[in-house]
C-alpha atoms as a PDB file:
ATOM      1  CA  MET A   1    -164.115-117.100 -78.700  1.00  0.00           C
ATOM      2  CA  ILE A   2    -166.790-117.328 -76.031  1.00  0.00           C
ATOM      3  CA  SER A   3    -166.235-121.066 -75.680  1.00  0.00           C
ATOM      4  CA  LEU A   4    -162.534-120.449 -74.807  1.00  0.00           C
ATOM      5  CA  ILE A   5    -163.373-118.063 -71.992  1.00  0.00           C
ATOM      6  CA  SER A   6    -165.898-120.383 -70.374  1.00  0.00           C
ATOM      7  CA  SER A   7    -163.451-123.279 -70.450  1.00  0.00           C
ATOM      8  CA  ALA A   8    -160.777-121.133 -68.801  1.00  0.00           C
ATOM      9  CA  TYR A   9    -163.067-120.347 -65.883  1.00  0.00           C
ATOM     10  CA  ALA A  10    -164.011-123.978 -65.563  1.00  0.00           C
ATOM     11  CA  ALA A  11    -160.397-125.169 -65.222  1.00  0.00           C
ATOM     12  CA  ASP A  12    -159.235-126.407 -61.812  1.00  0.00           C
ATOM     13  CA  GLY A  13    -157.102-124.156 -59.624  1.00  0.00           C
ATOM     14  CA  ALA A  14    -153.740-125.056 -58.183  1.00  0.00           C
ATOM     15  CA  PRO A  15    -153.193-128.661 -57.118  1.00  0.00           C
ATOM     16  CA  ALA A  16    -153.838-129.583 -53.472  1.00  0.00           C
ATOM     17  CA  SER A  17    -150.133-130.009 -52.786  1.00  0.00           C
ATOM     18  CA  ALA A  18    -149.633-126.254 -53.291  1.00  0.00           C
ATOM     19  CA  GLY A  19    -151.602-125.554 -50.081  1.00  0.00           C
ATOM     20  CA  ILE A  20    -149.376-127.895 -48.087  1.00  0.00           C
ATOM     21  CA  PHE A  21    -146.283-126.317 -49.618  1.00  0.00           C
ATOM     22  CA  ASN A  22    -147.495-122.867 -48.541  1.00  0.00           C
ATOM     23  CA  LEU A  23    -147.998-124.073 -44.960  1.00  0.00           C
ATOM     24  CA  VAL A  24    -144.528-125.637 -44.878  1.00  0.00           C
ATOM     25  CA  LEU A  25    -143.041-122.418 -46.276  1.00  0.00           C
ATOM     26  CA  LEU A  26    -144.845-120.336 -43.643  1.00  0.00           C
ATOM     27  CA  ALA A  27    -143.657-122.665 -40.864  1.00  0.00           C
ATOM     28  CA  GLY A  28    -140.102-122.363 -42.218  1.00  0.00           C
ATOM     29  CA  PHE A  29    -140.283-118.574 -42.048  1.00  0.00           C
ATOM     30  CA  VAL A  30    -141.520-118.754 -38.451  1.00  0.00           C
ATOM     31  CA  VAL A  31    -138.626-121.040 -37.474  1.00  0.00           C
ATOM     32  CA  ILE A  32    -136.092-118.774 -39.179  1.00  0.00           C
ATOM     33  CA  PHE A  33    -137.602-115.707 -37.491  1.00  0.00           C
ATOM     34  CA  TYR A  34    -137.398-117.445 -34.101  1.00  0.00           C
ATOM     35  CA  PHE A  35    -133.750-118.497 -34.380  1.00  0.00           C
ATOM     36  CA  LEU A  36    -132.410-115.363 -36.080  1.00  0.00           C
ATOM     37  CA  MET A  37    -134.339-112.618 -34.311  1.00  0.00           C
ATOM     38  CA  TRP A  38    -136.431-113.493 -31.280  1.00  0.00           C
ATOM     39  CA  ARG A  39    -134.159-115.973 -29.483  1.00  0.00           C
ATOM     40  CA  PRO A  40    -130.948-113.853 -29.579  1.00  0.00           C
ATOM     41  CA  GLN A  41    -132.867-110.786 -28.402  1.00  0.00           C
ATOM     42  CA  ALA A  42    -134.346-112.762 -25.504  1.00  0.00           C
ATOM     43  CA  LYS A  43    -130.840-113.933 -24.533  1.00  0.00           C
ATOM     44  CA  ARG A  44    -129.518-110.357 -24.549  1.00  0.00           C
ATOM     45  CA  THR A  45    -132.463-109.174 -22.459  1.00  0.00           C
ATOM     46  CA  LYS A  46    -131.921-111.949 -19.912  1.00  0.00           C
ATOM     47  CA  ALA A  47    -128.184-111.188 -19.689  1.00  0.00           C
ATOM     48  CA  HIS A  48    -128.888-107.471 -19.163  1.00  0.00           C
ATOM     49  CA  LYS A  49    -131.401-108.239 -16.393  1.00  0.00           C
ATOM     50  CA  ASN A  50    -128.791-110.421 -14.674  1.00  0.00           C
ATOM     51  CA  LEU A  51    -126.235-107.607 -15.027  1.00  0.00           C
ATOM     52  CA  ILE A  52    -128.622-105.082 -13.472  1.00  0.00           C
ATOM     53  CA  SER A  53    -129.492-107.363 -10.574  1.00  0.00           C
ATOM     54  CA  SER A  54    -125.810-108.026  -9.832  1.00  0.00           C
ATOM     55  CA  LEU A  55    -124.905-104.342  -9.353  1.00  0.00           C
ATOM     56  CA  ALA A  56    -123.367-103.693  -5.964  1.00  0.00           C
ATOM     57  CA  LYS A  57    -121.374-100.969  -4.255  1.00  0.00           C
ATOM     58  CA  GLY A  58    -117.839-100.744  -5.632  1.00  0.00           C
ATOM     59  CA  THR A  59    -118.619-102.240  -9.044  1.00  0.00           C
ATOM     60  CA  GLU A  60    -117.073-100.370 -11.969  1.00  0.00           C
ATOM     61  CA  VAL A  61    -119.505 -99.878 -14.850  1.00  0.00           C
ATOM     62  CA  ILE A  62    -120.017 -98.083 -18.133  1.00  0.00           C
ATOM     63  CA  THR A  63    -123.356 -96.531 -19.082  1.00  0.00           C
ATOM     64  CA  GLY A  64    -125.078 -96.546 -22.433  1.00  0.00           C
ATOM     65  CA  GLY A  65    -123.864 -92.972 -22.947  1.00  0.00           C
ATOM     66  CA  GLY A  66    -120.239 -93.978 -22.389  1.00  0.00           C
ATOM     67  CA  ILE A  67    -119.789 -92.623 -18.856  1.00  0.00           C
ATOM     68  CA  LEU A  68    -117.451 -94.678 -16.668  1.00  0.00           C
ATOM     69  CA  GLY A  69    -117.972 -94.783 -12.932  1.00  0.00           C
ATOM     70  CA  LYS A  70    -117.908 -96.724  -9.703  1.00  0.00           C
ATOM     71  CA  VAL A  71    -121.212 -97.652  -8.073  1.00  0.00           C
ATOM     72  CA  THR A  72    -121.657 -95.918  -4.723  1.00  0.00           C
ATOM     73  CA  LYS A  73    -125.347 -96.525  -4.063  1.00  0.00           C
ATOM     74  CA  VAL A  74    -127.987 -98.844  -5.533  1.00  0.00           C
ATOM     75  CA  ASP A  75    -131.738 -98.184  -5.234  1.00  0.00           C
ATOM     76  CA  ASP A  76    -134.674-100.029  -6.745  1.00  0.00           C
ATOM     77  CA  ASN A  77    -134.619 -98.056 -10.002  1.00  0.00           C
ATOM     78  CA  TYR A  78    -131.512 -95.882  -9.776  1.00  0.00           C
ATOM     79  CA  VAL A  79    -127.798 -96.245  -9.253  1.00  0.00           C
ATOM     80  CA  SER A  80    -125.345 -93.562  -8.121  1.00  0.00           C
ATOM     81  CA  LEU A  81    -121.980 -93.533  -9.857  1.00  0.00           C
ATOM     82  CA  GLU A  82    -118.845 -91.761  -8.732  1.00  0.00           C
ATOM     83  CA  VAL A  83    -117.518 -90.465 -12.050  1.00  0.00           C
ATOM     84  CA  SER A  84    -114.676 -88.447 -10.553  1.00  0.00           C
ATOM     85  CA  GLU A  85    -113.350 -87.784  -7.069  1.00  0.00           C
ATOM     86  CA  GLY A  86    -116.221 -86.295  -5.105  1.00  0.00           C
ATOM     87  CA  ILE A  87    -118.595 -86.148  -8.095  1.00  0.00           C
ATOM     88  CA  GLU A  88    -121.585 -88.490  -8.067  1.00  0.00           C
ATOM     89  CA  MET A  89    -124.222 -88.807 -10.749  1.00  0.00           C
ATOM     90  CA  LYS A  90    -127.501 -90.672 -10.582  1.00  0.00           C
ATOM     91  CA  PHE A  91    -128.574 -92.958 -13.444  1.00  0.00           C
ATOM     92  CA  GLN A  92    -131.395 -95.348 -14.123  1.00  0.00           C
ATOM     93  CA  LYS A  93    -130.291 -98.934 -13.633  1.00  0.00           C
ATOM     94  CA  SER A  94    -131.296 -99.798 -17.182  1.00  0.00           C
ATOM     95  CA  SER A  95    -128.744 -97.327 -18.564  1.00  0.00           C
ATOM     96  CA  VAL A  96    -125.848 -99.434 -17.274  1.00  0.00           C
ATOM     97  CA  ALA A  97    -124.418-101.176 -20.342  1.00  0.00           C
ATOM     98  CA  ALA A  98    -121.583-103.297 -18.940  1.00  0.00           C
ATOM     99  CA  VAL A  99    -119.572-104.132 -15.852  1.00  0.00           C
ATOM    100  CA  LEU A 100    -115.865-103.384 -16.138  1.00  0.00           C
ATOM    101  CA  PRO A 101    -113.043-105.415 -14.609  1.00  0.00           C
ATOM    102  CA  LYS A 102    -111.726-104.172 -11.260  1.00  0.00           C
ATOM    103  CA  GLY A 103    -109.062-101.495 -11.587  1.00  0.00           C
ATOM    104  CA  THR A 104    -110.164-100.262 -15.013  1.00  0.00           C
ATOM    105  CA  LEU A 105    -110.886 -96.765 -13.773  1.00  0.00           C
ATOM    106  CA  LYS A 106    -107.455 -96.443 -12.143  1.00  0.00           C
ATOM    107  CA  SER A 107    -105.682 -97.581 -15.305  1.00  0.00           C
ATOM    108  CA  ILE A 108    -107.435 -94.937 -17.409  1.00  0.00           C
END
């Protein structure tokens, strides 16, 4: 019985090709992670930054909270929206979710 145990410990481990396979598998996971998660998020972030920088007076927008309004004033970090006649609200620029086509507010 003792001779069986000593021969089991003396046996070689996994073949050398298993280490290469593990590296290829890890590299595959990194590539999948890049194309499925990181790259699309970077595209969305870039598009949102372009949207924020293109805000100007008169642009009709919707905020992340669902408030529709027309831009009346743009500061460095804030934007004022006219949500109803004579009613202006101030929002952070980053809360603007999308720019609406002209005339959307009148049609609603």
